[in-house]
């Protein structure tokens, strides 16, 4: 399944979501234009699990800061395209529900939990983790809880046939979440050597799913 839009209009302009997308694109362009220095940039500002666990400052910035910088870096065109597409589809509604400032904090919070989850799963790895996937996974978790029956326009590939259908978010995001968990469990021992940080996705998703209602405005008044 390949989602490309939803039938869930927001009531406020999602300038935070758009700003995050633009920042990610700008950083990616900078990585590409840096040429042979791209790998050095990744190792300098990516989230290295061993450094995070031990807090050893072997990078130009403190390991704690890489929890933030790694969120705005990507490893390739398909990597950033997929992440930004998902953020564009689902981010505006979460921003609309939480408010602009809360959405920024929520997004960063989920990204940090995602990176820490990956570090705890591969504590001896010196391979840097980059990408907005963990933070966006938190957005997906929030969307699943708040808008489970919102219709998602999805492309289905059936061999040589391509079909477009509208599927509830519960199915689209639920199917995605199952893939992350299964892939994470079956790739134990491999993630430390590189590849997809599945448990970062799982950690971010759970963080968004469990805490999104705590971020909603007016909570103290209701209590």
N, C-alpha and C. Protein backbone atom coordinates (compact mmCIF):
# COMPACT_ATOMS: atom_id res chain seq x y z
N UNK A 1 0.84 -1.20 0.00
CA UNK A 1 0.00 0.00 0.00
C UNK A 1 0.87 1.25 0.00
N UNK A 2 0.49 2.20 -0.83
CA UNK A 2 1.25 3.44 -0.96
C UNK A 2 0.29 4.63 -0.80
N UNK A 3 0.18 5.20 0.40
CA UNK A 3 -0.72 6.33 0.60
C UNK A 3 -0.17 7.60 -0.03
N UNK A 4 -1.07 8.46 -0.53
CA UNK A 4 -0.60 9.71 -1.12
C UNK A 4 -1.41 10.93 -0.70
N UNK A 5 -2.57 10.74 -0.04
CA UNK A 5 -3.30 11.87 0.53
C UNK A 5 -4.43 11.32 1.41
N UNK A 6 -5.04 12.22 2.20
CA UNK A 6 -6.15 11.80 3.04
C UNK A 6 -7.36 12.71 2.83
N UNK A 7 -8.52 12.23 3.32
CA UNK A 7 -9.74 13.03 3.27
C UNK A 7 -10.02 13.58 4.67
N UNK A 8 -9.06 14.31 5.20
CA UNK A 8 -9.17 14.82 6.56
C UNK A 8 -8.67 16.26 6.60
N UNK A 9 -9.50 17.21 6.18
CA UNK A 9 -9.05 18.60 6.09
C UNK A 9 -8.71 19.19 7.45
N UNK A 10 -7.72 20.05 7.49
CA UNK A 10 -7.35 20.75 8.72
C UNK A 10 -7.94 22.15 8.69
N UNK A 11 -8.02 22.77 9.86
CA UNK A 11 -8.66 24.08 9.97
C UNK A 11 -7.65 25.22 10.12
N UNK A 12 -6.40 24.88 10.24
CA UNK A 12 -5.35 25.90 10.35
C UNK A 12 -4.28 25.62 9.31
N UNK A 13 -3.56 26.66 8.93
CA UNK A 13 -2.50 26.49 7.94
C UNK A 13 -1.31 25.78 8.60
N UNK A 14 -0.84 24.66 8.04
CA UNK A 14 0.21 23.86 8.67
C UNK A 14 1.62 24.40 8.40
N UNK A 15 1.90 25.60 8.86
CA UNK A 15 3.19 26.21 8.51
C UNK A 15 4.36 25.51 9.21
N UNK A 16 4.09 24.88 10.37
CA UNK A 16 5.17 24.13 11.04
C UNK A 16 5.53 22.89 10.23
N UNK A 17 4.52 22.16 9.80
CA UNK A 17 4.76 20.97 8.96
C UNK A 17 5.53 21.34 7.70
N UNK A 18 5.11 22.42 7.06
CA UNK A 18 5.78 22.86 5.84
C UNK A 18 7.21 23.30 6.14
N UNK A 19 7.41 23.98 7.25
CA UNK A 19 8.75 24.44 7.63
C UNK A 19 9.68 23.25 7.87
N UNK A 20 9.18 22.23 8.54
CA UNK A 20 9.99 21.03 8.79
C UNK A 20 10.37 20.37 7.47
N UNK A 21 9.41 20.29 6.55
CA UNK A 21 9.69 19.69 5.24
C UNK A 21 10.77 20.49 4.50
N UNK A 22 10.63 21.80 4.51
CA UNK A 22 11.61 22.67 3.83
C UNK A 22 12.99 22.50 4.46
N UNK A 23 13.08 22.48 5.77
CA UNK A 23 14.37 22.31 6.45
C UNK A 23 15.02 21.00 6.07
N UNK A 24 14.23 19.93 6.01
CA UNK A 24 14.77 18.63 5.63
C UNK A 24 15.30 18.65 4.20
N UNK A 25 14.58 19.31 3.31
CA UNK A 25 15.01 19.39 1.91
C UNK A 25 16.29 20.21 1.79
N UNK A 26 16.36 21.33 2.51
CA UNK A 26 17.55 22.18 2.46
C UNK A 26 18.77 21.42 2.97
N UNK A 27 18.62 20.72 4.07
CA UNK A 27 19.74 19.94 4.61
C UNK A 27 20.15 18.84 3.64
N UNK A 28 19.17 18.19 3.02
CA UNK A 28 19.48 17.12 2.07
C UNK A 28 20.25 17.67 0.86
N UNK A 29 19.82 18.81 0.36
CA UNK A 29 20.52 19.43 -0.77
C UNK A 29 21.95 19.76 -0.36
N UNK A 30 22.13 20.26 0.85
CA UNK A 30 23.47 20.56 1.35
C UNK A 30 24.32 19.29 1.41
N UNK A 31 23.72 18.18 1.87
CA UNK A 31 24.45 16.91 1.91
C UNK A 31 24.89 16.49 0.52
N UNK A 32 23.97 16.59 -0.45
CA UNK A 32 24.28 16.17 -1.81
C UNK A 32 25.38 17.04 -2.42
N UNK A 33 25.28 18.34 -2.21
CA UNK A 33 26.25 19.27 -2.80
C UNK A 33 27.62 19.19 -2.13
N UNK A 34 27.65 18.62 -0.93
CA UNK A 34 28.93 18.49 -0.22
C UNK A 34 29.82 17.43 -0.85
N UNK A 35 29.25 16.60 -1.73
CA UNK A 35 30.04 15.62 -2.47
C UNK A 35 30.69 14.58 -1.58
N UNK A 36 32.02 14.47 -1.65
CA UNK A 36 32.75 13.46 -0.89
C UNK A 36 32.69 13.70 0.62
N UNK A 37 32.29 14.89 1.04
CA UNK A 37 32.21 15.20 2.46
C UNK A 37 30.90 14.71 3.07
N UNK A 38 29.98 14.16 2.25
CA UNK A 38 28.67 13.75 2.74
C UNK A 38 28.79 12.70 3.84
N UNK A 39 29.66 11.72 3.65
CA UNK A 39 29.83 10.68 4.66
C UNK A 39 30.36 11.27 5.97
N UNK A 40 31.28 12.22 5.86
CA UNK A 40 31.82 12.86 7.06
C UNK A 40 30.74 13.63 7.80
N UNK A 41 29.84 14.26 7.05
CA UNK A 41 28.74 15.00 7.66
C UNK A 41 27.81 14.06 8.42
N UNK A 42 27.53 12.91 7.82
CA UNK A 42 26.66 11.93 8.46
C UNK A 42 27.27 11.44 9.76
N UNK A 43 28.56 11.14 9.74
CA UNK A 43 29.23 10.66 10.95
C UNK A 43 29.42 11.77 11.99
N UNK A 44 29.42 13.00 11.53
CA UNK A 44 29.60 14.12 12.46
C UNK A 44 28.30 14.47 13.17
N UNK A 45 27.17 14.39 12.44
CA UNK A 45 25.91 14.88 12.99
C UNK A 45 24.81 13.82 13.10
N UNK A 46 25.11 12.58 12.68
CA UNK A 46 24.16 11.50 12.86
C UNK A 46 24.15 11.00 14.29
N UNK A 47 23.09 10.29 14.67
CA UNK A 47 22.96 9.76 16.03
C UNK A 47 23.64 8.39 16.10
N UNK A 48 24.82 8.34 16.68
CA UNK A 48 25.58 7.09 16.81
C UNK A 48 25.20 6.43 18.14
N UNK A 49 24.61 5.23 18.11
CA UNK A 49 24.13 4.59 19.33
C UNK A 49 25.17 4.49 20.44
N UNK A 50 26.39 4.07 20.11
CA UNK A 50 27.42 3.91 21.14
C UNK A 50 27.73 5.23 21.83
N UNK A 51 27.80 6.30 21.06
CA UNK A 51 28.08 7.62 21.63
C UNK A 51 26.93 8.10 22.50
N UNK A 52 25.70 7.79 22.09
CA UNK A 52 24.54 8.21 22.87
C UNK A 52 24.48 7.47 24.20
N UNK A 53 24.75 6.17 24.16
CA UNK A 53 24.68 5.38 25.39
C UNK A 53 25.80 5.76 26.36
N UNK A 54 27.00 5.95 25.83
CA UNK A 54 28.15 6.25 26.69
C UNK A 54 28.37 7.74 26.89
N UNK A 55 27.71 8.57 26.05
CA UNK A 55 27.88 10.02 26.07
C UNK A 55 29.34 10.42 25.83
N UNK A 56 30.00 9.66 24.98
CA UNK A 56 31.38 10.00 24.60
C UNK A 56 31.33 11.01 23.46
N UNK A 57 31.96 12.14 23.66
CA UNK A 57 31.94 13.23 22.68
C UNK A 57 33.05 13.05 21.66
N UNK A 58 32.89 12.07 20.75
CA UNK A 58 33.87 11.86 19.70
C UNK A 58 33.50 12.59 18.42
N UNK A 59 32.32 13.23 18.40
CA UNK A 59 31.85 13.99 17.25
C UNK A 59 32.03 15.48 17.51
N UNK A 60 31.91 16.30 16.46
CA UNK A 60 32.08 17.75 16.64
C UNK A 60 31.08 18.35 17.64
N UNK A 61 29.92 17.73 17.77
CA UNK A 61 28.93 18.21 18.73
C UNK A 61 28.65 17.12 19.75
N UNK A 62 28.05 17.49 20.86
CA UNK A 62 27.76 16.53 21.93
C UNK A 62 26.76 15.49 21.43
N UNK A 63 26.91 14.22 21.83
CA UNK A 63 25.98 13.18 21.38
C UNK A 63 24.52 13.51 21.62
N UNK A 64 24.22 14.23 22.70
CA UNK A 64 22.82 14.60 22.97
C UNK A 64 22.26 15.49 21.86
N UNK A 65 23.09 16.33 21.28
CA UNK A 65 22.63 17.22 20.22
C UNK A 65 22.38 16.47 18.91
N UNK A 66 23.07 15.33 18.73
CA UNK A 66 22.84 14.55 17.51
C UNK A 66 21.45 13.95 17.48
N UNK A 67 20.79 13.86 18.64
CA UNK A 67 19.41 13.40 18.67
C UNK A 67 18.52 14.35 17.87
N UNK A 68 18.91 15.62 17.80
CA UNK A 68 18.16 16.62 17.04
C UNK A 68 18.66 16.72 15.60
N UNK A 69 19.98 16.83 15.42
CA UNK A 69 20.52 17.04 14.08
C UNK A 69 20.25 15.84 13.16
N UNK A 70 20.25 14.64 13.72
CA UNK A 70 20.03 13.44 12.90
C UNK A 70 18.64 13.41 12.29
N UNK A 71 17.68 14.11 12.92
CA UNK A 71 16.29 14.12 12.43
C UNK A 71 16.14 14.84 11.10
N UNK A 72 17.11 15.68 10.75
CA UNK A 72 16.98 16.51 9.55
C UNK A 72 17.94 16.07 8.44
N UNK A 73 18.48 14.86 8.55
CA UNK A 73 19.40 14.34 7.55
C UNK A 73 18.82 13.06 6.94
N UNK A 74 19.14 12.82 5.67
CA UNK A 74 18.62 11.64 4.99
C UNK A 74 19.69 10.98 4.14
N UNK A 75 19.48 9.70 3.87
CA UNK A 75 20.49 8.92 3.18
C UNK A 75 20.31 8.80 1.68
N UNK A 76 19.24 9.35 1.14
CA UNK A 76 19.03 9.26 -0.30
C UNK A 76 17.71 9.88 -0.70
N UNK A 77 17.49 9.96 -2.01
CA UNK A 77 16.30 10.63 -2.53
C UNK A 77 15.02 9.92 -2.12
N UNK A 78 14.99 8.58 -2.22
CA UNK A 78 13.79 7.84 -1.84
C UNK A 78 13.53 7.94 -0.35
N UNK A 79 14.60 8.00 0.43
CA UNK A 79 14.49 8.12 1.88
C UNK A 79 13.77 9.41 2.25
N UNK A 80 14.22 10.52 1.72
CA UNK A 80 13.62 11.80 2.07
C UNK A 80 12.24 11.95 1.43
N UNK A 81 12.06 11.44 0.23
CA UNK A 81 10.76 11.55 -0.44
C UNK A 81 9.68 10.82 0.36
N UNK A 82 9.97 9.59 0.77
CA UNK A 82 9.00 8.82 1.54
C UNK A 82 8.66 9.49 2.86
N UNK A 83 9.68 9.96 3.56
CA UNK A 83 9.44 10.61 4.84
C UNK A 83 8.64 11.89 4.70
N UNK A 84 9.00 12.72 3.75
CA UNK A 84 8.31 13.99 3.60
C UNK A 84 6.88 13.79 3.09
N UNK A 85 6.66 12.77 2.28
CA UNK A 85 5.30 12.48 1.82
C UNK A 85 4.41 12.10 3.00
N UNK A 86 4.90 11.23 3.86
CA UNK A 86 4.12 10.81 5.04
C UNK A 86 3.88 12.00 5.97
N UNK A 87 4.90 12.84 6.14
CA UNK A 87 4.73 14.01 7.00
C UNK A 87 3.70 14.96 6.42
N UNK A 88 3.70 15.12 5.11
CA UNK A 88 2.75 16.01 4.45
C UNK A 88 1.32 15.48 4.58
N UNK A 89 1.15 14.17 4.45
CA UNK A 89 -0.19 13.57 4.53
C UNK A 89 -0.76 13.66 5.95
N UNK A 90 0.05 13.29 6.94
CA UNK A 90 -0.47 13.12 8.29
C UNK A 90 -0.11 14.26 9.26
N UNK A 91 0.93 15.01 8.95
CA UNK A 91 1.40 16.02 9.89
C UNK A 91 0.46 17.19 10.08
N UNK A 92 -0.20 17.62 9.00
CA UNK A 92 -1.05 18.81 9.12
C UNK A 92 -2.21 18.63 10.10
N UNK A 93 -2.78 17.42 10.14
CA UNK A 93 -3.90 17.18 11.05
C UNK A 93 -3.45 17.13 12.51
N UNK A 94 -2.27 16.58 12.75
CA UNK A 94 -1.76 16.55 14.11
C UNK A 94 -1.37 17.96 14.56
N UNK A 95 -0.79 18.73 13.66
CA UNK A 95 -0.47 20.12 13.97
C UNK A 95 -1.75 20.90 14.26
N UNK A 96 -2.79 20.64 13.48
CA UNK A 96 -4.07 21.31 13.67
C UNK A 96 -4.67 20.97 15.04
N UNK A 97 -4.54 19.72 15.46
CA UNK A 97 -5.12 19.28 16.72
C UNK A 97 -4.30 19.76 17.93
N UNK A 98 -2.98 19.74 17.82
CA UNK A 98 -2.13 20.10 18.95
C UNK A 98 -1.85 21.59 19.04
N UNK A 99 -1.86 22.27 17.91
CA UNK A 99 -1.40 23.66 17.87
C UNK A 99 0.05 23.68 17.41
N UNK A 100 0.49 24.80 16.88
CA UNK A 100 1.80 24.88 16.24
C UNK A 100 2.96 24.60 17.20
N UNK A 101 2.97 25.26 18.35
CA UNK A 101 4.09 25.10 19.28
C UNK A 101 4.12 23.69 19.86
N UNK A 102 2.96 23.20 20.28
CA UNK A 102 2.91 21.85 20.83
C UNK A 102 3.33 20.81 19.80
N UNK A 103 2.97 21.07 18.55
CA UNK A 103 3.34 20.12 17.50
C UNK A 103 4.85 20.05 17.32
N UNK A 104 5.52 21.19 17.37
CA UNK A 104 6.99 21.19 17.28
C UNK A 104 7.59 20.36 18.40
N UNK A 105 7.13 20.60 19.63
CA UNK A 105 7.67 19.87 20.77
C UNK A 105 7.35 18.38 20.68
N UNK A 106 6.13 18.07 20.26
CA UNK A 106 5.72 16.68 20.10
C UNK A 106 6.57 15.97 19.06
N UNK A 107 6.78 16.62 17.93
CA UNK A 107 7.58 16.06 16.84
C UNK A 107 9.01 15.76 17.31
N UNK A 108 9.63 16.73 17.97
CA UNK A 108 11.00 16.53 18.47
C UNK A 108 11.05 15.46 19.55
N UNK A 109 10.05 15.44 20.41
CA UNK A 109 9.98 14.44 21.46
C UNK A 109 9.95 13.03 20.88
N UNK A 110 9.09 12.81 19.90
CA UNK A 110 8.98 11.49 19.27
C UNK A 110 10.29 11.12 18.57
N UNK A 111 10.93 12.09 17.94
CA UNK A 111 12.21 11.83 17.28
C UNK A 111 13.29 11.43 18.26
N UNK A 112 13.31 12.08 19.43
CA UNK A 112 14.30 11.74 20.46
C UNK A 112 14.04 10.33 21.00
N UNK A 113 12.78 10.02 21.31
CA UNK A 113 12.44 8.69 21.81
C UNK A 113 12.81 7.63 20.77
N UNK A 114 12.60 7.93 19.50
CA UNK A 114 12.94 6.99 18.43
C UNK A 114 14.45 6.71 18.40
N UNK A 115 15.25 7.77 18.47
CA UNK A 115 16.70 7.60 18.42
C UNK A 115 17.21 6.84 19.65
N UNK A 116 16.65 7.15 20.82
CA UNK A 116 17.05 6.45 22.04
C UNK A 116 16.65 4.98 21.97
N UNK A 117 15.48 4.70 21.41
CA UNK A 117 15.02 3.31 21.26
C UNK A 117 15.99 2.52 20.39
N UNK A 118 16.44 3.14 19.31
CA UNK A 118 17.41 2.48 18.43
C UNK A 118 18.73 2.28 19.14
N UNK A 119 19.17 3.28 19.90
CA UNK A 119 20.44 3.18 20.62
C UNK A 119 20.38 2.07 21.67
N UNK A 120 19.28 1.96 22.37
CA UNK A 120 19.14 0.92 23.38
C UNK A 120 19.11 -0.48 22.75
N UNK A 121 18.59 -0.55 21.53
CA UNK A 121 18.53 -1.84 20.84
C UNK A 121 19.88 -2.25 20.26
N UNK A 122 20.70 -1.25 19.90
CA UNK A 122 22.03 -1.54 19.33
C UNK A 122 23.07 -0.69 20.03
N UNK A 123 23.30 -0.92 21.33
CA UNK A 123 24.16 -0.02 22.13
C UNK A 123 25.62 0.02 21.72
N UNK A 124 26.10 -1.02 21.03
CA UNK A 124 27.51 -1.05 20.66
C UNK A 124 27.76 -0.58 19.23
N UNK A 125 26.69 -0.21 18.52
CA UNK A 125 26.82 0.19 17.12
C UNK A 125 27.48 1.56 16.98
N UNK A 126 28.40 1.67 16.03
CA UNK A 126 29.03 2.95 15.73
C UNK A 126 28.56 3.48 14.37
N UNK A 127 27.48 2.90 13.86
CA UNK A 127 26.90 3.35 12.60
C UNK A 127 25.89 4.46 12.89
N UNK A 128 26.04 5.64 12.33
CA UNK A 128 25.11 6.74 12.62
C UNK A 128 23.72 6.50 12.05
N UNK A 129 22.72 6.89 12.81
CA UNK A 129 21.34 6.83 12.36
C UNK A 129 20.91 8.23 11.93
N UNK A 130 20.32 8.34 10.76
CA UNK A 130 19.83 9.63 10.28
C UNK A 130 18.42 9.44 9.72
N UNK A 131 17.69 10.53 9.65
CA UNK A 131 16.36 10.50 9.06
C UNK A 131 15.28 10.98 10.00
N UNK A 132 14.20 11.45 9.40
CA UNK A 132 13.05 11.94 10.17
C UNK A 132 12.05 10.84 10.45
N UNK A 133 12.37 9.60 10.09
CA UNK A 133 11.41 8.51 10.20
C UNK A 133 10.88 8.32 11.61
N UNK A 134 11.76 8.42 12.62
CA UNK A 134 11.32 8.22 13.99
C UNK A 134 10.31 9.24 14.44
N UNK A 135 10.58 10.51 14.15
CA UNK A 135 9.65 11.58 14.51
C UNK A 135 8.34 11.44 13.75
N UNK A 136 8.42 11.10 12.47
CA UNK A 136 7.22 10.94 11.66
C UNK A 136 6.43 9.72 12.10
N UNK A 137 7.12 8.69 12.59
CA UNK A 137 6.43 7.53 13.14
C UNK A 137 5.56 7.94 14.32
N UNK A 138 6.06 8.89 15.13
CA UNK A 138 5.27 9.42 16.23
C UNK A 138 4.02 10.12 15.72
N UNK A 139 4.14 10.84 14.61
CA UNK A 139 2.99 11.50 13.99
C UNK A 139 1.98 10.46 13.53
N UNK A 140 2.46 9.35 12.98
CA UNK A 140 1.56 8.28 12.54
C UNK A 140 0.83 7.66 13.73
N UNK A 141 1.56 7.45 14.84
CA UNK A 141 0.92 6.91 16.02
C UNK A 141 -0.18 7.83 16.53
N UNK A 142 0.09 9.13 16.52
CA UNK A 142 -0.91 10.11 16.95
C UNK A 142 -2.12 10.11 16.02
N UNK A 143 -1.85 10.03 14.73
CA UNK A 143 -2.94 10.03 13.74
C UNK A 143 -3.82 8.80 13.91
N UNK A 144 -3.19 7.66 14.16
CA UNK A 144 -3.94 6.42 14.34
C UNK A 144 -4.90 6.53 15.52
N UNK A 145 -4.47 7.16 16.60
CA UNK A 145 -5.30 7.29 17.79
C UNK A 145 -6.39 8.34 17.60
N UNK A 146 -6.06 9.47 16.99
CA UNK A 146 -7.00 10.58 16.89
C UNK A 146 -7.95 10.47 15.70
N UNK A 147 -7.47 9.89 14.59
CA UNK A 147 -8.29 9.82 13.38
C UNK A 147 -8.28 8.41 12.78
N UNK A 148 -8.69 7.40 13.53
CA UNK A 148 -8.58 6.01 13.04
C UNK A 148 -9.42 5.72 11.81
N UNK A 149 -10.51 6.46 11.62
CA UNK A 149 -11.41 6.16 10.51
C UNK A 149 -11.32 7.18 9.37
N UNK A 150 -10.33 8.08 9.44
CA UNK A 150 -10.11 9.00 8.33
C UNK A 150 -9.72 8.20 7.09
N UNK A 151 -10.24 8.59 5.97
CA UNK A 151 -9.98 7.84 4.73
C UNK A 151 -8.66 8.28 4.10
N UNK A 152 -7.83 7.29 3.78
CA UNK A 152 -6.52 7.54 3.18
C UNK A 152 -6.55 7.04 1.74
N UNK A 153 -6.24 7.90 0.80
CA UNK A 153 -6.15 7.50 -0.61
C UNK A 153 -4.86 6.71 -0.79
N UNK A 154 -5.01 5.49 -1.23
CA UNK A 154 -3.88 4.56 -1.27
C UNK A 154 -3.78 3.87 -2.62
N UNK A 155 -2.56 3.73 -3.10
CA UNK A 155 -2.31 2.99 -4.34
C UNK A 155 -1.98 1.54 -3.99
N UNK A 156 -2.68 0.62 -4.61
CA UNK A 156 -2.45 -0.80 -4.41
C UNK A 156 -1.87 -1.39 -5.69
N UNK A 157 -0.74 -2.08 -5.55
CA UNK A 157 -0.11 -2.73 -6.71
C UNK A 157 -0.47 -4.20 -6.71
N UNK A 158 -1.19 -4.63 -7.76
CA UNK A 158 -1.59 -6.03 -7.91
C UNK A 158 -0.97 -6.59 -9.18
N UNK A 159 0.29 -6.98 -9.07
CA UNK A 159 1.00 -7.46 -10.25
C UNK A 159 1.18 -6.33 -11.24
N UNK A 160 0.60 -6.49 -12.43
CA UNK A 160 0.69 -5.45 -13.46
C UNK A 160 -0.43 -4.41 -13.33
N UNK A 161 -1.35 -4.65 -12.40
CA UNK A 161 -2.48 -3.76 -12.24
C UNK A 161 -2.26 -2.82 -11.06
N UNK A 162 -2.69 -1.56 -11.23
CA UNK A 162 -2.58 -0.56 -10.18
C UNK A 162 -3.98 -0.05 -9.87
N UNK A 163 -4.34 -0.11 -8.60
CA UNK A 163 -5.66 0.30 -8.18
C UNK A 163 -5.57 1.36 -7.10
N UNK A 164 -6.41 2.38 -7.18
CA UNK A 164 -6.48 3.42 -6.16
C UNK A 164 -7.73 3.22 -5.32
N UNK A 165 -7.56 3.12 -4.01
CA UNK A 165 -8.70 2.92 -3.11
C UNK A 165 -8.58 3.86 -1.91
N UNK A 166 -9.70 4.03 -1.21
CA UNK A 166 -9.73 4.82 0.02
C UNK A 166 -9.86 3.86 1.19
N UNK A 167 -8.86 3.89 2.08
CA UNK A 167 -8.77 2.93 3.17
C UNK A 167 -8.73 3.67 4.51
N UNK A 168 -9.40 3.17 5.54
CA UNK A 168 -9.32 3.82 6.86
C UNK A 168 -7.88 3.87 7.36
N UNK A 169 -7.55 4.94 8.06
CA UNK A 169 -6.19 5.09 8.60
C UNK A 169 -5.83 3.93 9.51
N UNK A 170 -6.83 3.37 10.19
CA UNK A 170 -6.59 2.24 11.08
C UNK A 170 -5.93 1.08 10.35
N UNK A 171 -6.33 0.86 9.11
CA UNK A 171 -5.76 -0.24 8.31
C UNK A 171 -4.41 0.15 7.73
N UNK A 172 -4.33 1.35 7.15
CA UNK A 172 -3.09 1.78 6.51
C UNK A 172 -1.95 1.88 7.52
N UNK A 173 -2.19 2.61 8.61
CA UNK A 173 -1.13 2.81 9.61
C UNK A 173 -0.92 1.54 10.43
N UNK A 174 -2.01 0.81 10.70
CA UNK A 174 -1.88 -0.45 11.44
C UNK A 174 -1.02 -1.44 10.68
N UNK A 175 -1.23 -1.55 9.37
CA UNK A 175 -0.43 -2.45 8.53
C UNK A 175 1.03 -2.00 8.54
N UNK A 176 1.24 -0.69 8.45
CA UNK A 176 2.61 -0.15 8.49
C UNK A 176 3.28 -0.50 9.80
N UNK A 177 2.56 -0.35 10.93
CA UNK A 177 3.13 -0.62 12.25
C UNK A 177 3.52 -2.09 12.40
N UNK A 178 2.69 -2.97 11.88
CA UNK A 178 2.99 -4.41 11.97
C UNK A 178 4.27 -4.73 11.21
N UNK A 179 4.44 -4.11 10.05
CA UNK A 179 5.66 -4.33 9.26
C UNK A 179 6.89 -3.87 10.04
N UNK A 180 6.79 -2.75 10.74
CA UNK A 180 7.94 -2.24 11.50
C UNK A 180 8.33 -3.21 12.61
N UNK A 181 7.33 -3.71 13.34
CA UNK A 181 7.61 -4.62 14.45
C UNK A 181 8.20 -5.93 13.95
N UNK A 182 7.58 -6.51 12.94
CA UNK A 182 8.06 -7.78 12.40
C UNK A 182 9.46 -7.63 11.82
N UNK A 183 9.68 -6.55 11.07
CA UNK A 183 11.00 -6.32 10.48
C UNK A 183 12.05 -6.10 11.55
N UNK A 184 11.69 -5.39 12.62
CA UNK A 184 12.62 -5.16 13.71
C UNK A 184 13.01 -6.44 14.41
N UNK A 185 12.03 -7.32 14.65
CA UNK A 185 12.30 -8.58 15.35
C UNK A 185 13.12 -9.54 14.50
N UNK A 186 12.91 -9.50 13.19
CA UNK A 186 13.63 -10.42 12.31
C UNK A 186 14.99 -9.90 11.88
N UNK A 187 15.31 -8.66 12.23
CA UNK A 187 16.60 -8.09 11.81
C UNK A 187 17.53 -7.86 13.00
N UNK A 188 17.24 -8.51 14.11
CA UNK A 188 18.10 -8.38 15.28
C UNK A 188 19.53 -8.81 14.95
N UNK A 189 20.49 -8.00 15.35
CA UNK A 189 21.89 -8.30 15.06
C UNK A 189 22.36 -7.71 13.75
N UNK A 190 21.43 -7.36 12.88
CA UNK A 190 21.79 -6.78 11.58
C UNK A 190 21.80 -5.27 11.65
N UNK A 191 20.89 -4.70 12.46
CA UNK A 191 20.76 -3.24 12.52
C UNK A 191 22.03 -2.57 12.99
N UNK A 192 22.83 -3.28 13.80
CA UNK A 192 24.08 -2.67 14.29
C UNK A 192 25.08 -2.48 13.15
N UNK A 193 24.85 -3.17 12.03
CA UNK A 193 25.75 -3.06 10.88
C UNK A 193 25.25 -2.05 9.85
N UNK A 194 24.09 -1.46 10.13
CA UNK A 194 23.52 -0.50 9.19
C UNK A 194 22.16 -0.95 8.71
N UNK A 195 21.59 -0.23 7.75
CA UNK A 195 20.27 -0.57 7.24
C UNK A 195 19.19 0.27 7.90
N UNK A 196 17.97 -0.23 7.88
CA UNK A 196 16.83 0.50 8.43
C UNK A 196 16.79 0.34 9.94
N UNK A 197 16.61 1.43 10.64
CA UNK A 197 16.52 1.41 12.11
C UNK A 197 15.06 1.14 12.49
N UNK A 198 14.66 -0.13 12.40
CA UNK A 198 13.26 -0.48 12.61
C UNK A 198 12.76 -0.10 13.99
N UNK A 199 13.60 -0.32 15.02
CA UNK A 199 13.14 -0.04 16.37
C UNK A 199 13.06 1.46 16.67
N UNK A 200 13.70 2.27 15.85
CA UNK A 200 13.50 3.72 15.95
C UNK A 200 12.07 4.03 15.51
N UNK A 201 11.61 3.38 14.45
CA UNK A 201 10.24 3.56 13.98
C UNK A 201 9.25 3.12 15.05
N UNK A 202 9.51 1.95 15.63
CA UNK A 202 8.61 1.41 16.65
C UNK A 202 8.58 2.33 17.87
N UNK A 203 9.76 2.77 18.32
CA UNK A 203 9.82 3.65 19.49
C UNK A 203 9.10 4.96 19.27
N UNK A 204 9.32 5.58 18.10
CA UNK A 204 8.64 6.83 17.80
C UNK A 204 7.14 6.64 17.69
N UNK A 205 6.72 5.56 17.06
CA UNK A 205 5.29 5.27 16.90
C UNK A 205 4.60 5.11 18.25
N UNK A 206 5.19 4.31 19.13
CA UNK A 206 4.60 4.09 20.46
C UNK A 206 4.56 5.39 21.25
N UNK A 207 5.62 6.19 21.14
CA UNK A 207 5.66 7.48 21.85
C UNK A 207 4.52 8.38 21.40
N UNK A 208 4.28 8.45 20.09
CA UNK A 208 3.20 9.27 19.58
C UNK A 208 1.83 8.73 19.96
N UNK A 209 1.67 7.43 19.86
CA UNK A 209 0.39 6.78 20.16
C UNK A 209 0.00 6.96 21.62
N UNK A 210 0.97 6.80 22.51
CA UNK A 210 0.70 6.80 23.95
C UNK A 210 0.57 8.21 24.52
N UNK A 211 1.34 9.16 23.98
CA UNK A 211 1.40 10.48 24.64
C UNK A 211 0.65 11.60 23.93
N UNK A 212 0.12 11.38 22.75
CA UNK A 212 -0.44 12.50 21.98
C UNK A 212 -1.54 13.23 22.74
N UNK A 213 -2.36 12.51 23.50
CA UNK A 213 -3.45 13.17 24.22
C UNK A 213 -2.94 14.05 25.34
N UNK A 214 -1.73 13.75 25.82
CA UNK A 214 -1.13 14.60 26.85
C UNK A 214 -0.69 15.94 26.28
N UNK A 215 -0.50 15.98 24.97
CA UNK A 215 -0.02 17.20 24.31
C UNK A 215 -1.16 18.09 23.85
N UNK A 216 -2.39 17.60 23.91
CA UNK A 216 -3.51 18.39 23.39
C UNK A 216 -3.78 19.61 24.27
N UNK A 217 -4.10 20.74 23.67
CA UNK A 217 -4.39 21.96 24.45
C UNK A 217 -5.68 21.82 25.25
N UNK A 218 -5.73 22.54 26.37
CA UNK A 218 -6.93 22.53 27.20
C UNK A 218 -7.06 21.33 28.09
N UNK A 219 -5.98 20.52 28.18
CA UNK A 219 -6.07 19.30 28.98
C UNK A 219 -6.29 19.62 30.45
N UNK A 220 -5.54 20.61 30.98
CA UNK A 220 -5.65 20.94 32.40
C UNK A 220 -7.06 21.44 32.73
N UNK A 221 -7.69 22.15 31.79
CA UNK A 221 -9.04 22.66 32.02
C UNK A 221 -10.02 21.50 32.13
N UNK A 222 -9.87 20.49 31.25
CA UNK A 222 -10.78 19.34 31.29
C UNK A 222 -10.59 18.57 32.59
N UNK A 223 -9.35 18.44 33.04
CA UNK A 223 -9.11 17.72 34.28
C UNK A 223 -9.69 18.51 35.46
